[in-house]
Structure formats: C-alpha cells, structure tokens
N, C-alpha and C. Protein backbone atom coordinates (compact mmCIF):
# COMPACT_ATOMS: atom_id res chain seq x y z
N UNK A 1 127.58 89.28 101.32
CA UNK A 1 126.59 88.49 100.63
C UNK A 1 126.78 88.71 99.13
N UNK A 2 126.87 87.65 98.40
CA UNK A 2 127.03 87.76 96.95
C UNK A 2 125.69 88.07 96.29
N UNK A 3 125.78 88.49 95.04
CA UNK A 3 124.57 88.80 94.29
C UNK A 3 123.67 87.57 94.17
N UNK A 4 124.29 86.42 93.94
CA UNK A 4 123.51 85.17 93.80
C UNK A 4 122.82 84.81 95.12
N UNK A 5 123.50 85.03 96.24
CA UNK A 5 122.88 84.77 97.55
C UNK A 5 121.71 85.72 97.79
N UNK A 6 121.89 86.96 97.40
CA UNK A 6 120.83 87.95 97.55
C UNK A 6 119.60 87.56 96.73
N UNK A 7 119.81 87.13 95.51
CA UNK A 7 118.69 86.70 94.66
C UNK A 7 118.00 85.47 95.24
N UNK A 8 118.78 84.56 95.80
CA UNK A 8 118.19 83.37 96.43
C UNK A 8 117.33 83.77 97.63
N UNK A 9 117.78 84.74 98.40
CA UNK A 9 117.01 85.24 99.55
C UNK A 9 115.70 85.89 99.08
N UNK A 10 115.77 86.65 98.00
CA UNK A 10 114.56 87.28 97.45
C UNK A 10 113.57 86.21 97.01
N UNK A 11 114.05 85.20 96.32
CA UNK A 11 113.15 84.12 95.86
C UNK A 11 112.53 83.40 97.04
N UNK A 12 113.31 83.16 98.09
CA UNK A 12 112.77 82.50 99.28
C UNK A 12 111.72 83.37 99.97
N UNK A 13 111.99 84.67 100.05
CA UNK A 13 111.02 85.59 100.65
C UNK A 13 109.73 85.61 99.83
N UNK A 14 109.86 85.61 98.51
CA UNK A 14 108.68 85.58 97.64
C UNK A 14 107.85 84.33 97.88
N UNK A 15 108.51 83.19 97.93
CA UNK A 15 107.79 81.93 98.14
C UNK A 15 107.09 81.93 99.50
N UNK A 16 107.81 82.35 100.52
CA UNK A 16 107.22 82.40 101.86
C UNK A 16 106.02 83.33 101.89
N UNK A 17 106.16 84.50 101.29
CA UNK A 17 105.06 85.47 101.27
C UNK A 17 103.86 84.92 100.52
N UNK A 18 104.08 84.34 99.35
CA UNK A 18 102.96 83.82 98.57
C UNK A 18 102.23 82.69 99.30
N UNK A 19 102.99 81.81 99.94
CA UNK A 19 102.37 80.71 100.68
C UNK A 19 101.59 81.25 101.88
N UNK A 20 102.16 82.20 102.59
CA UNK A 20 101.47 82.81 103.72
C UNK A 20 100.20 83.52 103.26
N UNK A 21 100.32 84.29 102.18
CA UNK A 21 99.16 85.02 101.66
C UNK A 21 98.05 84.06 101.27
N UNK A 22 98.39 82.99 100.56
CA UNK A 22 97.35 82.02 100.17
C UNK A 22 96.67 81.41 101.38
N UNK A 23 97.46 81.03 102.38
CA UNK A 23 96.86 80.44 103.58
C UNK A 23 95.94 81.42 104.29
N UNK A 24 96.40 82.65 104.45
CA UNK A 24 95.56 83.66 105.11
C UNK A 24 94.27 83.90 104.34
N UNK A 25 94.38 84.03 103.03
CA UNK A 25 93.20 84.31 102.19
C UNK A 25 92.21 83.16 102.26
N UNK A 26 92.71 81.95 102.20
CA UNK A 26 91.82 80.78 102.23
C UNK A 26 91.15 80.59 103.58
N UNK A 27 91.81 81.02 104.66
CA UNK A 27 91.21 80.89 105.99
C UNK A 27 90.18 81.98 106.27
N UNK A 28 90.53 83.22 105.94
CA UNK A 28 89.64 84.34 106.21
C UNK A 28 90.01 85.48 105.28
N UNK A 29 89.27 85.57 104.18
CA UNK A 29 89.62 86.53 103.13
C UNK A 29 89.60 87.97 103.64
N UNK A 30 88.59 88.35 104.39
CA UNK A 30 88.48 89.74 104.87
C UNK A 30 89.67 90.11 105.75
N UNK A 31 90.02 89.23 106.65
CA UNK A 31 91.16 89.49 107.52
C UNK A 31 92.46 89.53 106.72
N UNK A 32 92.60 88.65 105.75
CA UNK A 32 93.80 88.62 104.92
C UNK A 32 93.96 89.90 104.12
N UNK A 33 92.86 90.39 103.56
CA UNK A 33 92.89 91.65 102.80
C UNK A 33 93.40 92.77 103.70
N UNK A 34 92.92 92.80 104.93
CA UNK A 34 93.36 93.82 105.88
C UNK A 34 94.83 93.63 106.25
N UNK A 35 95.20 92.43 106.66
CA UNK A 35 96.57 92.19 107.15
C UNK A 35 97.63 92.32 106.06
N UNK A 36 97.29 91.90 104.85
CA UNK A 36 98.25 91.95 103.75
C UNK A 36 98.24 93.27 103.00
N UNK A 37 97.19 94.06 103.21
CA UNK A 37 97.10 95.34 102.52
C UNK A 37 96.80 95.17 101.04
N UNK A 38 95.99 94.17 100.71
CA UNK A 38 95.64 93.87 99.32
C UNK A 38 94.21 94.29 99.02
N UNK A 39 93.94 94.46 97.75
CA UNK A 39 92.57 94.62 97.31
C UNK A 39 91.93 93.24 97.19
N UNK A 40 90.61 93.19 97.14
CA UNK A 40 89.92 91.91 97.06
C UNK A 40 90.22 91.17 95.77
N UNK A 41 90.37 91.89 94.67
CA UNK A 41 90.69 91.22 93.40
C UNK A 41 92.06 90.55 93.46
N UNK A 42 93.04 91.23 94.04
CA UNK A 42 94.37 90.64 94.18
C UNK A 42 94.32 89.42 95.09
N UNK A 43 93.52 89.49 96.14
CA UNK A 43 93.37 88.34 97.05
C UNK A 43 92.76 87.15 96.31
N UNK A 44 91.76 87.41 95.48
CA UNK A 44 91.14 86.33 94.70
C UNK A 44 92.15 85.68 93.76
N UNK A 45 92.96 86.51 93.12
CA UNK A 45 93.98 85.98 92.20
C UNK A 45 94.99 85.13 92.96
N UNK A 46 95.48 85.64 94.09
CA UNK A 46 96.45 84.89 94.88
C UNK A 46 95.88 83.56 95.36
N UNK A 47 94.64 83.58 95.81
CA UNK A 47 94.02 82.36 96.33
C UNK A 47 93.88 81.30 95.24
N UNK A 48 93.71 81.73 94.00
CA UNK A 48 93.46 80.80 92.90
C UNK A 48 94.73 80.27 92.24
N UNK A 49 95.90 80.77 92.63
CA UNK A 49 97.14 80.33 92.00
C UNK A 49 97.42 78.86 92.27
N UNK A 50 97.87 78.17 91.25
CA UNK A 50 98.28 76.78 91.42
C UNK A 50 99.68 76.74 92.03
N UNK A 51 100.09 75.57 92.46
CA UNK A 51 101.43 75.42 93.03
C UNK A 51 102.49 75.82 92.01
N UNK A 52 102.32 75.41 90.77
CA UNK A 52 103.26 75.77 89.72
C UNK A 52 103.35 77.27 89.50
N UNK A 53 102.19 77.93 89.54
CA UNK A 53 102.18 79.39 89.37
C UNK A 53 102.87 80.09 90.54
N UNK A 54 102.64 79.58 91.75
CA UNK A 54 103.29 80.16 92.93
C UNK A 54 104.81 80.02 92.80
N UNK A 55 105.26 78.84 92.40
CA UNK A 55 106.70 78.62 92.25
C UNK A 55 107.29 79.51 91.16
N UNK A 56 106.57 79.67 90.07
CA UNK A 56 107.05 80.52 88.98
C UNK A 56 107.13 81.98 89.43
N UNK A 57 106.10 82.46 90.10
CA UNK A 57 106.12 83.83 90.62
C UNK A 57 107.23 84.04 91.64
N UNK A 58 107.41 83.07 92.51
CA UNK A 58 108.42 83.18 93.57
C UNK A 58 109.82 83.24 93.01
N UNK A 59 110.04 82.69 91.84
CA UNK A 59 111.39 82.62 91.27
C UNK A 59 111.84 83.94 90.65
N UNK A 60 111.00 84.95 90.67
CA UNK A 60 111.37 86.26 90.12
C UNK A 60 112.48 86.87 90.97
N UNK A 61 113.25 87.77 90.38
CA UNK A 61 114.34 88.39 91.12
C UNK A 61 113.94 89.74 91.72
N UNK A 62 112.65 89.97 91.82
CA UNK A 62 112.12 91.19 92.42
C UNK A 62 111.18 90.80 93.55
N UNK A 63 111.28 91.49 94.68
CA UNK A 63 110.39 91.20 95.80
C UNK A 63 108.94 91.47 95.40
N UNK A 64 108.07 90.54 95.72
CA UNK A 64 106.65 90.68 95.39
C UNK A 64 105.88 91.42 96.47
N UNK A 65 106.37 91.39 97.69
CA UNK A 65 105.69 92.10 98.77
C UNK A 65 106.42 93.43 99.00
N UNK A 66 105.73 94.32 99.67
CA UNK A 66 106.34 95.61 99.97
C UNK A 66 105.91 96.07 101.36
N UNK A 67 106.67 96.99 101.91
CA UNK A 67 106.33 97.54 103.21
C UNK A 67 105.18 98.52 103.06
N UNK A 68 104.22 98.41 103.96
CA UNK A 68 103.15 99.40 103.99
C UNK A 68 103.59 100.61 104.77
N UNK A 69 104.61 100.42 105.58
CA UNK A 69 105.12 101.52 106.38
C UNK A 69 106.07 102.31 105.49
N UNK A 70 105.60 103.46 105.02
CA UNK A 70 106.42 104.21 104.08
C UNK A 70 106.64 105.66 104.50
N UNK A 71 106.40 105.95 105.75
CA UNK A 71 106.69 107.31 106.19
C UNK A 71 107.31 107.31 107.59
N UNK A 72 107.95 108.40 107.89
CA UNK A 72 108.69 108.52 109.14
C UNK A 72 107.78 108.43 110.37
N UNK A 73 106.58 108.97 110.28
CA UNK A 73 105.68 108.96 111.42
C UNK A 73 105.36 107.54 111.87
N UNK A 74 104.98 106.68 110.93
CA UNK A 74 104.62 105.31 111.30
C UNK A 74 105.84 104.56 111.82
N UNK A 75 106.99 104.72 111.14
CA UNK A 75 108.21 104.06 111.62
C UNK A 75 108.54 104.52 113.04
N UNK A 76 108.42 105.80 113.30
CA UNK A 76 108.71 106.32 114.63
C UNK A 76 107.76 105.76 115.68
N UNK A 77 106.48 105.67 115.32
CA UNK A 77 105.51 105.12 116.26
C UNK A 77 105.78 103.65 116.56
N UNK A 78 106.13 102.89 115.51
CA UNK A 78 106.37 101.46 115.70
C UNK A 78 107.66 101.16 116.46
N UNK A 79 108.64 101.99 116.27
CA UNK A 79 109.94 101.74 116.91
C UNK A 79 110.16 102.58 118.15
N UNK A 80 109.23 103.49 118.45
CA UNK A 80 109.38 104.44 119.56
C UNK A 80 110.69 105.20 119.41
N UNK A 81 111.01 105.52 118.18
CA UNK A 81 112.25 106.20 117.86
C UNK A 81 111.94 107.62 117.42
N UNK A 82 112.74 108.56 117.87
CA UNK A 82 112.57 109.97 117.49
C UNK A 82 111.17 110.49 117.77
N UNK A 83 110.66 110.18 118.94
CA UNK A 83 109.37 110.75 119.32
C UNK A 83 109.62 111.72 120.48
N UNK A 84 110.01 112.96 120.15
CA UNK A 84 110.36 113.91 121.20
C UNK A 84 109.20 114.25 122.13
N UNK A 85 108.00 114.28 121.62
CA UNK A 85 106.83 114.60 122.44
C UNK A 85 106.01 113.33 122.65
N UNK A 86 106.57 112.39 123.37
CA UNK A 86 105.85 111.14 123.59
C UNK A 86 104.53 111.44 124.29
N UNK A 87 103.46 110.97 123.66
CA UNK A 87 102.14 111.27 124.18
C UNK A 87 101.54 110.06 124.88
N UNK A 88 102.16 108.96 124.82
CA UNK A 88 101.59 107.78 125.45
C UNK A 88 102.65 106.73 125.63
N UNK A 89 102.19 105.54 125.86
CA UNK A 89 103.11 104.45 126.03
C UNK A 89 103.27 103.68 124.71
N UNK A 90 104.01 102.62 124.76
CA UNK A 90 104.28 101.85 123.55
C UNK A 90 102.99 101.28 122.94
N UNK A 91 102.07 100.83 123.78
CA UNK A 91 100.81 100.28 123.27
C UNK A 91 100.01 101.34 122.52
N UNK A 92 100.00 102.54 123.04
CA UNK A 92 99.29 103.64 122.37
C UNK A 92 99.93 103.96 121.03
N UNK A 93 101.27 104.02 121.01
CA UNK A 93 101.97 104.30 119.77
C UNK A 93 101.72 103.21 118.72
N UNK A 94 101.72 101.96 119.16
CA UNK A 94 101.45 100.86 118.24
C UNK A 94 100.03 100.93 117.70
N UNK A 95 99.08 101.24 118.55
CA UNK A 95 97.69 101.38 118.12
C UNK A 95 97.57 102.51 117.10
N UNK A 96 98.22 103.62 117.36
CA UNK A 96 98.18 104.75 116.44
C UNK A 96 98.78 104.34 115.09
N UNK A 97 99.90 103.63 115.10
CA UNK A 97 100.53 103.17 113.86
C UNK A 97 99.60 102.22 113.12
N UNK A 98 98.95 101.31 113.83
CA UNK A 98 98.02 100.37 113.20
C UNK A 98 96.85 101.10 112.55
N UNK A 99 96.35 102.13 113.20
CA UNK A 99 95.25 102.91 112.63
C UNK A 99 95.70 103.60 111.35
N UNK A 100 96.90 104.17 111.37
CA UNK A 100 97.42 104.82 110.16
C UNK A 100 97.59 103.82 109.02
N UNK A 101 98.13 102.64 109.32
CA UNK A 101 98.33 101.63 108.28
C UNK A 101 96.99 101.10 107.78
N UNK A 102 96.02 100.94 108.67
CA UNK A 102 94.70 100.46 108.27
C UNK A 102 94.02 101.46 107.35
N UNK A 103 94.22 102.73 107.61
CA UNK A 103 93.60 103.74 106.75
C UNK A 103 94.20 103.69 105.35
N UNK A 104 95.44 103.30 105.24
CA UNK A 104 96.06 103.16 103.92
C UNK A 104 95.52 101.95 103.19
N UNK A 105 95.16 100.90 103.91
CA UNK A 105 94.54 99.74 103.29
C UNK A 105 93.19 100.14 102.71
N UNK A 106 92.46 100.96 103.45
CA UNK A 106 91.15 101.41 102.96
C UNK A 106 91.30 102.20 101.69
N UNK A 107 92.40 102.94 101.52
CA UNK A 107 92.64 103.68 100.28
C UNK A 107 92.84 102.74 99.11
N UNK A 108 93.48 101.59 99.35
CA UNK A 108 93.71 100.61 98.28
C UNK A 108 92.41 99.97 97.85
N UNK A 109 91.56 99.64 98.83
CA UNK A 109 90.30 98.96 98.55
C UNK A 109 89.35 99.94 97.93
C-alpha cells in the first residue's frame, strides 16, 4: 500500500466515522455518547457540524477516532486470546470487556 493509498483510507475512515457519529447522536444522544465513548460536549459539537465541516474534518491525514480498547486484558477478553484461566464462556468474557470499556466512558464523562 502506498502512502497516498494509506492517506486515502484514513480520510475515508474519518468520513465514515463522522457520518456514523452524527447519525447515532441525532437518533439517541445518550446511547451515542456511550457507544462512541464521547463526552456530551463533543457529541453536541459533532451533531452540529455542517456537511462542509464534516468533509473538511474528514480530509485530515490523522485518524479522528481511536480505539477504546487500550490494554491487554480487554483485548484478551474480546478475542478469547491468552486467557490461561478461562473463567467463563465467550459471552461472559465479552460482557466483562464491555463493563471495562463502559467504565472508561464514565471516566471521560
């Protein structure tokens, strides 16, 4: 993949993310804040962006979204990878990972 292709992929991901975020926020702000891991002020700003502003933001060469999963424990729970002492089934591991990620959203808010 060339550098130009990589930048085009980043811009496309940005546009997709911004459009998805706006739709989620406009449908149900509380749920969007939870699912996107945003604060309410950021959600208000995203919801109010015009089409031109969305396109301008999306054209940046830096990803606007980020992974909330930033530690080995959550990755292991979500992928059922490297869990030597499996304590439950996949549904339990996923629930545990969701609880951990939700608690991080509460820290942002």
